[in-house]
Amino acid sequence: LQVLVALMDALDCSADDLIGKIAIPASSRGTGTDHSS
């Protein structure tokens, strides 16, 4: 968190500018691209 705060101060930005939330639909979750069992 000290690194994060230093980045925010040095770049004059907020945590929201550096980190963006992404929602992944349940249907696309998985370990591979093939959905066969």
PDB file of all heavy atoms in Angstrom:
ATOM      1  N   LEU A   1       0.813  -1.216   0.000  1.00  0.00           N
ATOM      2  CA  LEU A   1       0.000   0.000   0.000  1.00  0.00           C
ATOM      3  C   LEU A   1       0.845   1.263   0.000  1.00  0.00           C
ATOM      4  O   LEU A   1       0.422   2.291  -0.540  1.00  0.00           O
ATOM      5  CB  LEU A   1      -0.960  -0.007   1.181  1.00  0.00           C
ATOM      6  CG  LEU A   1      -2.076  -1.052   1.086  1.00  0.00           C
ATOM      7  CD1 LEU A   1      -2.971  -0.999   2.314  1.00  0.00           C
ATOM      8  CD2 LEU A   1      -2.895  -0.855  -0.172  1.00  0.00           C
ATOM      9  N   GLN A   2       2.048   1.204   0.564  1.00  0.00           N
ATOM     10  CA  GLN A   2       2.936   2.375   0.505  1.00  0.00           C
ATOM     11  C   GLN A   2       3.346   2.659  -0.935  1.00  0.00           C
ATOM     12  O   GLN A   2       3.449   3.816  -1.334  1.00  0.00           O
ATOM     13  CB  GLN A   2       4.164   2.166   1.384  1.00  0.00           C
ATOM     14  CG  GLN A   2       3.839   2.183   2.859  1.00  0.00           C
ATOM     15  CD  GLN A   2       5.057   1.898   3.723  1.00  0.00           C
ATOM     16  OE1 GLN A   2       6.001   1.238   3.287  1.00  0.00           O
ATOM     17  NE2 GLN A   2       5.039   2.405   4.946  1.00  0.00           N
ATOM     18  N   VAL A   3       3.564   1.618  -1.708  1.00  0.00           N
ATOM     19  CA  VAL A   3       3.902   1.786  -3.126  1.00  0.00           C
ATOM     20  C   VAL A   3       2.699   2.386  -3.865  1.00  0.00           C
ATOM     21  O   VAL A   3       2.848   3.306  -4.667  1.00  0.00           O
ATOM     22  CB  VAL A   3       4.342   0.448  -3.760  1.00  0.00           C
ATOM     23  CG1 VAL A   3       4.525   0.588  -5.264  1.00  0.00           C
ATOM     24  CG2 VAL A   3       5.607  -0.066  -3.103  1.00  0.00           C
ATOM     25  N   LEU A   4       1.506   1.872  -3.568  1.00  0.00           N
ATOM     26  CA  LEU A   4       0.307   2.395  -4.216  1.00  0.00           C
ATOM     27  C   LEU A   4       0.108   3.880  -3.896  1.00  0.00           C
ATOM     28  O   LEU A   4      -0.138   4.690  -4.796  1.00  0.00           O
ATOM     29  CB  LEU A   4      -0.924   1.590  -3.773  1.00  0.00           C
ATOM     30  CG  LEU A   4      -2.266   2.056  -4.336  1.00  0.00           C
ATOM     31  CD1 LEU A   4      -2.288   1.951  -5.860  1.00  0.00           C
ATOM     32  CD2 LEU A   4      -3.397   1.266  -3.720  1.00  0.00           C
ATOM     33  N   VAL A   5       0.255   4.246  -2.631  1.00  0.00           N
ATOM     34  CA  VAL A   5       0.079   5.650  -2.237  1.00  0.00           C
ATOM     35  C   VAL A   5       1.158   6.530  -2.869  1.00  0.00           C
ATOM     36  O   VAL A   5       0.877   7.640  -3.317  1.00  0.00           O
ATOM     37  CB  VAL A   5       0.068   5.777  -0.693  1.00  0.00           C
ATOM     38  CG1 VAL A   5       0.111   7.225  -0.252  1.00  0.00           C
ATOM     39  CG2 VAL A   5      -1.154   5.087  -0.125  1.00  0.00           C
ATOM     40  N   ALA A   6       2.392   6.031  -2.944  1.00  0.00           N
ATOM     41  CA  ALA A   6       3.468   6.791  -3.579  1.00  0.00           C
ATOM     42  C   ALA A   6       3.177   6.998  -5.062  1.00  0.00           C
ATOM     43  O   ALA A   6       3.411   8.091  -5.600  1.00  0.00           O
ATOM     44  CB  ALA A   6       4.804   6.087  -3.382  1.00  0.00           C
ATOM     45  N   LEU A   7       2.665   5.968  -5.733  1.00  0.00           N
ATOM     46  CA  LEU A   7       2.293   6.105  -7.144  1.00  0.00           C
ATOM     47  C   LEU A   7       1.179   7.131  -7.318  1.00  0.00           C
ATOM     48  O   LEU A   7       1.232   7.977  -8.220  1.00  0.00           O
ATOM     49  CB  LEU A   7       1.847   4.755  -7.717  1.00  0.00           C
ATOM     50  CG  LEU A   7       2.921   3.728  -7.992  1.00  0.00           C
ATOM     51  CD1 LEU A   7       2.302   2.367  -8.298  1.00  0.00           C
ATOM     52  CD2 LEU A   7       3.826   4.177  -9.124  1.00  0.00           C
ATOM     53  N   MET A   8       0.173   7.064  -6.440  1.00  0.00           N
ATOM     54  CA  MET A   8      -0.933   8.008  -6.530  1.00  0.00           C
ATOM     55  C   MET A   8      -0.447   9.439  -6.330  1.00  0.00           C
ATOM     56  O   MET A   8      -0.874  10.345  -7.051  1.00  0.00           O
ATOM     57  CB  MET A   8      -2.017   7.659  -5.492  1.00  0.00           C
ATOM     58  CG  MET A   8      -2.737   6.371  -5.815  1.00  0.00           C
ATOM     59  SD  MET A   8      -3.965   5.752  -4.619  1.00  0.00           S
ATOM     60  CE  MET A   8      -3.971   6.841  -3.259  1.00  0.00           C
ATOM     61  N   ASP A   9       0.471   9.652  -5.385  1.00  0.00           N
ATOM     62  CA  ASP A   9       0.992  10.994  -5.134  1.00  0.00           C
ATOM     63  C   ASP A   9       1.890  11.457  -6.282  1.00  0.00           C
ATOM     64  O   ASP A   9       1.777  12.582  -6.755  1.00  0.00           O
ATOM     65  CB  ASP A   9       1.768  11.014  -3.813  1.00  0.00           C
ATOM     66  CG  ASP A   9       2.204  12.417  -3.434  1.00  0.00           C
ATOM     67  OD1 ASP A   9       1.320  13.298  -3.306  1.00  0.00           O
ATOM     68  OD2 ASP A   9       3.425  12.634  -3.283  1.00  0.00           O
ATOM     69  N   ALA A  10       2.783  10.583  -6.743  1.00  0.00           N
ATOM     70  CA  ALA A  10       3.724  10.947  -7.801  1.00  0.00           C
ATOM     71  C   ALA A  10       3.003  11.263  -9.111  1.00  0.00           C
ATOM     72  O   ALA A  10       3.420  12.156  -9.854  1.00  0.00           O
ATOM     73  CB  ALA A  10       4.732   9.819  -8.013  1.00  0.00           C
ATOM     74  N   LEU A  11       1.935  10.529  -9.398  1.00  0.00           N
ATOM     75  CA  LEU A  11       1.227  10.711 -10.663  1.00  0.00           C
ATOM     76  C   LEU A  11      -0.028  11.569 -10.510  1.00  0.00           C
ATOM     77  O   LEU A  11      -0.768  11.762 -11.482  1.00  0.00           O
ATOM     78  CB  LEU A  11       0.865   9.337 -11.244  1.00  0.00           C
ATOM     79  CG  LEU A  11       2.055   8.437 -11.566  1.00  0.00           C
ATOM     80  CD1 LEU A  11       1.596   7.037 -11.918  1.00  0.00           C
ATOM     81  CD2 LEU A  11       2.907   9.041 -12.669  1.00  0.00           C
ATOM     82  N   ASP A  12      -0.261  12.066  -9.301  1.00  0.00           N
ATOM     83  CA  ASP A  12      -1.422  12.906  -9.007  1.00  0.00           C
ATOM     84  C   ASP A  12      -2.703  12.254  -9.522  1.00  0.00           C
ATOM     85  O   ASP A  12      -3.429  12.800 -10.362  1.00  0.00           O
ATOM     86  CB  ASP A  12      -1.245  14.305  -9.616  1.00  0.00           C
ATOM     87  CG  ASP A  12      -2.299  15.278  -9.100  1.00  0.00           C
ATOM     88  OD1 ASP A  12      -2.752  15.105  -7.944  1.00  0.00           O
ATOM     89  OD2 ASP A  12      -2.681  16.191  -9.853  1.00  0.00           O
ATOM     90  N   CYS A  13      -2.952  11.036  -9.015  1.00  0.00           N
ATOM     91  CA  CYS A  13      -4.132  10.290  -9.433  1.00  0.00           C
ATOM     92  C   CYS A  13      -4.716   9.552  -8.232  1.00  0.00           C
ATOM     93  O   CYS A  13      -4.149   9.576  -7.141  1.00  0.00           O
ATOM     94  CB  CYS A  13      -3.782   9.319 -10.555  1.00  0.00           C
ATOM     95  SG  CYS A  13      -2.657   7.992 -10.055  1.00  0.00           S
ATOM     96  N   SER A  14      -5.817   8.885  -8.452  1.00  0.00           N
ATOM     97  CA  SER A  14      -6.455   8.109  -7.390  1.00  0.00           C
ATOM     98  C   SER A  14      -6.259   6.620  -7.661  1.00  0.00           C
ATOM     99  O   SER A  14      -5.830   6.223  -8.751  1.00  0.00           O
ATOM    100  CB  SER A  14      -7.949   8.423  -7.325  1.00  0.00           C
ATOM    101  OG  SER A  14      -8.599   7.907  -8.469  1.00  0.00           O
ATOM    102  N   ALA A  15      -6.621   5.810  -6.674  1.00  0.00           N
ATOM    103  CA  ALA A  15      -6.544   4.354  -6.847  1.00  0.00           C
ATOM    104  C   ALA A  15      -7.479   3.913  -7.975  1.00  0.00           C
ATOM    105  O   ALA A  15      -7.171   2.975  -8.712  1.00  0.00           O
ATOM    106  CB  ALA A  15      -6.886   3.645  -5.544  1.00  0.00           C
ATOM    107  N   ASP A  16      -8.614   4.599  -8.127  1.00  0.00           N
ATOM    108  CA  ASP A  16      -9.543   4.269  -9.210  1.00  0.00           C
ATOM    109  C   ASP A  16      -8.934   4.505 -10.588  1.00  0.00           C
ATOM    110  O   ASP A  16      -9.311   3.848 -11.554  1.00  0.00           O
ATOM    111  CB  ASP A  16     -10.834   5.086  -9.085  1.00  0.00           C
ATOM    112  CG  ASP A  16     -11.705   4.605  -7.941  1.00  0.00           C
ATOM    113  OD1 ASP A  16     -11.527   3.463  -7.490  1.00  0.00           O
ATOM    114  OD2 ASP A  16     -12.558   5.395  -7.502  1.00  0.00           O
ATOM    115  N   ASP A  17      -8.008   5.451 -10.681  1.00  0.00           N
ATOM    116  CA  ASP A  17      -7.324   5.685 -11.951  1.00  0.00           C
ATOM    117  C   ASP A  17      -6.362   4.539 -12.275  1.00  0.00           C
ATOM    118  O   ASP A  17      -6.174   4.199 -13.440  1.00  0.00           O
ATOM    119  CB  ASP A  17      -6.540   6.997 -11.921  1.00  0.00           C
ATOM    120  CG  ASP A  17      -7.438   8.212 -11.762  1.00  0.00           C
ATOM    121  OD1 ASP A  17      -8.578   8.184 -12.272  1.00  0.00           O
ATOM    122  OD2 ASP A  17      -6.991   9.184 -11.124  1.00  0.00           O
ATOM    123  N   LEU A  18      -5.749   3.968 -11.243  1.00  0.00           N
ATOM    124  CA  LEU A  18      -4.749   2.915 -11.438  1.00  0.00           C
ATOM    125  C   LEU A  18      -5.348   1.511 -11.528  1.00  0.00           C
ATOM    126  O   LEU A  18      -4.805   0.643 -12.191  1.00  0.00           O
ATOM    127  CB  LEU A  18      -3.731   2.937 -10.291  1.00  0.00           C
ATOM    128  CG  LEU A  18      -2.806   4.148 -10.251  1.00  0.00           C
ATOM    129  CD1 LEU A  18      -2.016   4.165  -8.948  1.00  0.00           C
ATOM    130  CD2 LEU A  18      -1.871   4.139 -11.444  1.00  0.00           C
ATOM    131  N   ILE A  19      -6.463   1.308 -10.840  1.00  0.00           N
ATOM    132  CA  ILE A  19      -7.050  -0.032 -10.761  1.00  0.00           C
ATOM    133  C   ILE A  19      -8.496   0.040 -11.232  1.00  0.00           C
ATOM    134  O   ILE A  19      -9.290   0.801 -10.701  1.00  0.00           O
ATOM    135  CB  ILE A  19      -7.018  -0.568  -9.316  1.00  0.00           C
ATOM    136  CG1 ILE A  19      -5.607  -0.535  -8.768  1.00  0.00           C
ATOM    137  CG2 ILE A  19      -7.589  -1.978  -9.252  1.00  0.00           C
ATOM    138  CD1 ILE A  19      -5.524  -0.709  -7.268  1.00  0.00           C
ATOM    139  N   GLY A  20      -8.815  -0.747 -12.240  1.00  0.00           N
ATOM    140  CA  GLY A  20     -10.189  -0.789 -12.745  1.00  0.00           C
ATOM    141  C   GLY A  20     -10.813  -2.133 -12.474  1.00  0.00           C
ATOM    142  O   GLY A  20     -10.191  -3.177 -12.656  1.00  0.00           O
ATOM    143  N   LYS A  21     -12.061  -2.130 -12.027  1.00  0.00           N
ATOM    144  CA  LYS A  21     -12.790  -3.367 -11.735  1.00  0.00           C
ATOM    145  C   LYS A  21     -13.386  -3.908 -13.029  1.00  0.00           C
ATOM    146  O   LYS A  21     -13.930  -3.159 -13.841  1.00  0.00           O
ATOM    147  CB  LYS A  21     -13.883  -3.081 -10.714  1.00  0.00           C
ATOM    148  CG  LYS A  21     -14.688  -4.290 -10.326  1.00  0.00           C
ATOM    149  CD  LYS A  21     -15.659  -3.980  -9.204  1.00  0.00           C
ATOM    150  CE  LYS A  21     -16.766  -3.084  -9.683  1.00  0.00           C
ATOM    151  NZ  LYS A  21     -17.865  -2.957  -8.734  1.00  0.00           N
ATOM    152  N   ILE A  22     -13.290  -5.225 -13.206  1.00  0.00           N
ATOM    153  CA  ILE A  22     -13.844  -5.886 -14.381  1.00  0.00           C
ATOM    154  C   ILE A  22     -14.745  -7.024 -13.902  1.00  0.00           C
ATOM    155  O   ILE A  22     -14.324  -7.833 -13.077  1.00  0.00           O
ATOM    156  CB  ILE A  22     -12.738  -6.493 -15.275  1.00  0.00           C
ATOM    157  CG1 ILE A  22     -11.767  -5.431 -15.744  1.00  0.00           C
ATOM    158  CG2 ILE A  22     -13.344  -7.218 -16.455  1.00  0.00           C
ATOM    159  CD1 ILE A  22     -10.572  -6.008 -16.474  1.00  0.00           C
ATOM    160  N   ALA A  23     -15.964  -7.080 -14.407  1.00  0.00           N
ATOM    161  CA  ALA A  23     -16.862  -8.190 -14.107  1.00  0.00           C
ATOM    162  C   ALA A  23     -16.754  -9.216 -15.227  1.00  0.00           C
ATOM    163  O   ALA A  23     -16.850  -8.879 -16.403  1.00  0.00           O
ATOM    164  CB  ALA A  23     -18.290  -7.697 -13.987  1.00  0.00           C
ATOM    165  N   ILE A  24     -16.520 -10.457 -14.846  1.00  0.00           N
ATOM    166  CA  ILE A  24     -16.410 -11.538 -15.823  1.00  0.00           C
ATOM    167  C   ILE A  24     -17.697 -12.351 -15.758  1.00  0.00           C
ATOM    168  O   ILE A  24     -18.042 -12.872 -14.703  1.00  0.00           O
ATOM    169  CB  ILE A  24     -15.205 -12.445 -15.511  1.00  0.00           C
ATOM    170  CG1 ILE A  24     -13.924 -11.620 -15.517  1.00  0.00           C
ATOM    171  CG2 ILE A  24     -15.125 -13.594 -16.495  1.00  0.00           C
ATOM    172  CD1 ILE A  24     -12.717 -12.382 -15.044  1.00  0.00           C
ATOM    173  N   PRO A  25     -18.435 -12.458 -16.862  1.00  0.00           N
ATOM    174  CA  PRO A  25     -19.670 -13.241 -16.847  1.00  0.00           C
ATOM    175  C   PRO A  25     -19.406 -14.684 -16.439  1.00  0.00           C
ATOM    176  O   PRO A  25     -18.372 -15.257 -16.782  1.00  0.00           O
ATOM    177  CB  PRO A  25     -20.177 -13.181 -18.291  1.00  0.00           C
ATOM    178  CG  PRO A  25     -19.450 -12.040 -18.917  1.00  0.00           C
ATOM    179  CD  PRO A  25     -18.170 -11.881 -18.164  1.00  0.00           C
ATOM    180  N   ALA A  26     -20.332 -15.268 -15.718  1.00  0.00           N
ATOM    181  CA  ALA A  26     -20.172 -16.633 -15.217  1.00  0.00           C
ATOM    182  C   ALA A  26     -19.965 -17.626 -16.349  1.00  0.00           C
ATOM    183  O   ALA A  26     -19.246 -18.611 -16.198  1.00  0.00           O
ATOM    184  CB  ALA A  26     -21.379 -17.030 -14.385  1.00  0.00           C
ATOM    185  N   SER A  27     -20.554 -17.389 -17.508  1.00  0.00           N
ATOM    186  CA  SER A  27     -20.435 -18.335 -18.613  1.00  0.00           C
ATOM    187  C   SER A  27     -19.036 -18.374 -19.206  1.00  0.00           C
ATOM    188  O   SER A  27     -18.643 -19.367 -19.791  1.00  0.00           O
ATOM    189  CB  SER A  27     -21.434 -17.993 -19.705  1.00  0.00           C
ATOM    190  OG  SER A  27     -21.155 -16.716 -20.237  1.00  0.00           O
ATOM    191  N   SER A  28     -18.246 -17.312 -19.057  1.00  0.00           N
ATOM    192  CA  SER A  28     -16.915 -17.301 -19.663  1.00  0.00           C
ATOM    193  C   SER A  28     -15.821 -17.705 -18.683  1.00  0.00           C
ATOM    194  O   SER A  28     -14.660 -17.764 -19.038  1.00  0.00           O
ATOM    195  CB  SER A  28     -16.599 -15.922 -20.237  1.00  0.00           C
ATOM    196  OG  SER A  28     -16.458 -14.982 -19.198  1.00  0.00           O
ATOM    197  N   ARG A  29     -16.202 -17.974 -17.412  1.00  0.00           N
ATOM    198  CA  ARG A  29     -15.200 -18.419 -16.452  1.00  0.00           C
ATOM    199  C   ARG A  29     -14.795 -19.848 -16.750  1.00  0.00           C
ATOM    200  O   ARG A  29     -15.559 -20.627 -17.279  1.00  0.00           O
ATOM    201  CB  ARG A  29     -15.745 -18.360 -15.026  1.00  0.00           C
ATOM    202  CG  ARG A  29     -15.639 -16.997 -14.430  1.00  0.00           C
ATOM    203  CD  ARG A  29     -16.003 -17.051 -12.997  1.00  0.00           C
ATOM    204  NE  ARG A  29     -17.463 -17.085 -12.897  1.00  0.00           N
ATOM    205  CZ  ARG A  29     -18.130 -17.333 -11.808  1.00  0.00           C
ATOM    206  NH1 ARG A  29     -17.507 -17.609 -10.704  1.00  0.00           N
ATOM    207  NH2 ARG A  29     -19.433 -17.336 -11.791  1.00  0.00           N
ATOM    208  N   GLY A  30     -13.607 -20.221 -16.397  1.00  0.00           N
ATOM    209  CA  GLY A  30     -13.138 -21.587 -16.590  1.00  0.00           C
ATOM    210  C   GLY A  30     -11.654 -21.585 -16.820  1.00  0.00           C
ATOM    211  O   GLY A  30     -11.020 -20.552 -16.918  1.00  0.00           O
ATOM    212  N   THR A  31     -11.106 -22.770 -16.921  1.00  0.00           N
ATOM    213  CA  THR A  31      -9.667 -22.865 -17.062  1.00  0.00           C
ATOM    214  C   THR A  31      -9.236 -22.987 -18.506  1.00  0.00           C
ATOM    215  O   THR A  31      -8.092 -22.748 -18.823  1.00  0.00           O
ATOM    216  CB  THR A  31      -9.121 -24.072 -16.284  1.00  0.00           C
ATOM    217  OG1 THR A  31      -9.800 -25.239 -16.741  1.00  0.00           O
ATOM    218  CG2 THR A  31      -9.351 -23.897 -14.796  1.00  0.00           C
ATOM    219  N   GLY A  32     -10.153 -23.362 -19.384  1.00  0.00           N
ATOM    220  CA  GLY A  32      -9.759 -23.528 -20.773  1.00  0.00           C
ATOM    221  C   GLY A  32     -10.788 -22.925 -21.704  1.00  0.00           C
ATOM    222  O   GLY A  32     -11.821 -22.413 -21.283  1.00  0.00           O
ATOM    223  N   THR A  33     -10.501 -23.013 -22.977  1.00  0.00           N
ATOM    224  CA  THR A  33     -11.430 -22.462 -23.945  1.00  0.00           C
ATOM    225  C   THR A  33     -12.441 -23.507 -24.379  1.00  0.00           C
ATOM    226  O   THR A  33     -13.485 -23.177 -24.903  1.00  0.00           O
ATOM    227  CB  THR A  33     -10.671 -21.944 -25.173  1.00  0.00           C
ATOM    228  OG1 THR A  33      -9.893 -23.011 -25.710  1.00  0.00           O
ATOM    229  CG2 THR A  33      -9.782 -20.788 -24.804  1.00  0.00           C
ATOM    230  N   ASP A  34     -12.143 -24.774 -24.165  1.00  0.00           N
ATOM    231  CA  ASP A  34     -13.042 -25.849 -24.547  1.00  0.00           C
ATOM    232  C   ASP A  34     -13.983 -26.123 -23.383  1.00  0.00           C
ATOM    233  O   ASP A  34     -13.560 -26.375 -22.275  1.00  0.00           O
ATOM    234  CB  ASP A  34     -12.220 -27.096 -24.893  1.00  0.00           C
ATOM    235  CG  ASP A  34     -13.076 -28.207 -25.458  1.00  0.00           C
ATOM    236  OD1 ASP A  34     -14.282 -27.976 -25.684  1.00  0.00           O
ATOM    237  OD2 ASP A  34     -12.538 -29.309 -25.671  1.00  0.00           O
ATOM    238  N   HIS A  35     -15.284 -26.099 -23.626  1.00  0.00           N
ATOM    239  CA  HIS A  35     -16.253 -26.283 -22.559  1.00  0.00           C
ATOM    240  C   HIS A  35     -16.731 -27.722 -22.450  1.00  0.00           C
ATOM    241  O   HIS A  35     -17.699 -28.004 -21.770  1.00  0.00           O
ATOM    242  CB  HIS A  35     -17.440 -25.342 -22.762  1.00  0.00           C
ATOM    243  CG  HIS A  35     -17.038 -23.900 -22.687  1.00  0.00           C
ATOM    244  ND1 HIS A  35     -16.673 -23.307 -21.511  1.00  0.00           N
ATOM    245  CD2 HIS A  35     -16.906 -22.958 -23.637  1.00  0.00           C
ATOM    246  CE1 HIS A  35     -16.349 -22.055 -21.730  1.00  0.00           C
ATOM    247  NE2 HIS A  35     -16.472 -21.815 -23.019  1.00  0.00           N
ATOM    248  N   SER A  36     -16.081 -28.665 -23.133  1.00  0.00           N
ATOM    249  CA  SER A  36     -16.481 -30.055 -23.036  1.00  0.00           C
ATOM    250  C   SER A  36     -15.938 -30.657 -21.745  1.00  0.00           C
ATOM    251  O   SER A  36     -14.936 -30.223 -21.211  1.00  0.00           O
ATOM    252  CB  SER A  36     -15.963 -30.835 -24.240  1.00  0.00           C
ATOM    253  OG  SER A  36     -14.578 -30.667 -24.359  1.00  0.00           O
ATOM    254  N   SER A  37     -16.620 -31.655 -21.252  1.00  0.00           N
ATOM    255  CA  SER A  37     -16.208 -32.249 -19.978  1.00  0.00           C
ATOM    256  C   SER A  37     -15.100 -33.275 -20.215  1.00  0.00           C
ATOM    257  O   SER A  37     -15.042 -33.913 -21.273  1.00  0.00           O
ATOM    258  CB  SER A  37     -17.399 -32.890 -19.282  1.00  0.00           C
ATOM    259  OG  SER A  37     -17.478 -34.244 -19.563  1.00  0.00           O
TER     260      SER A  37
END
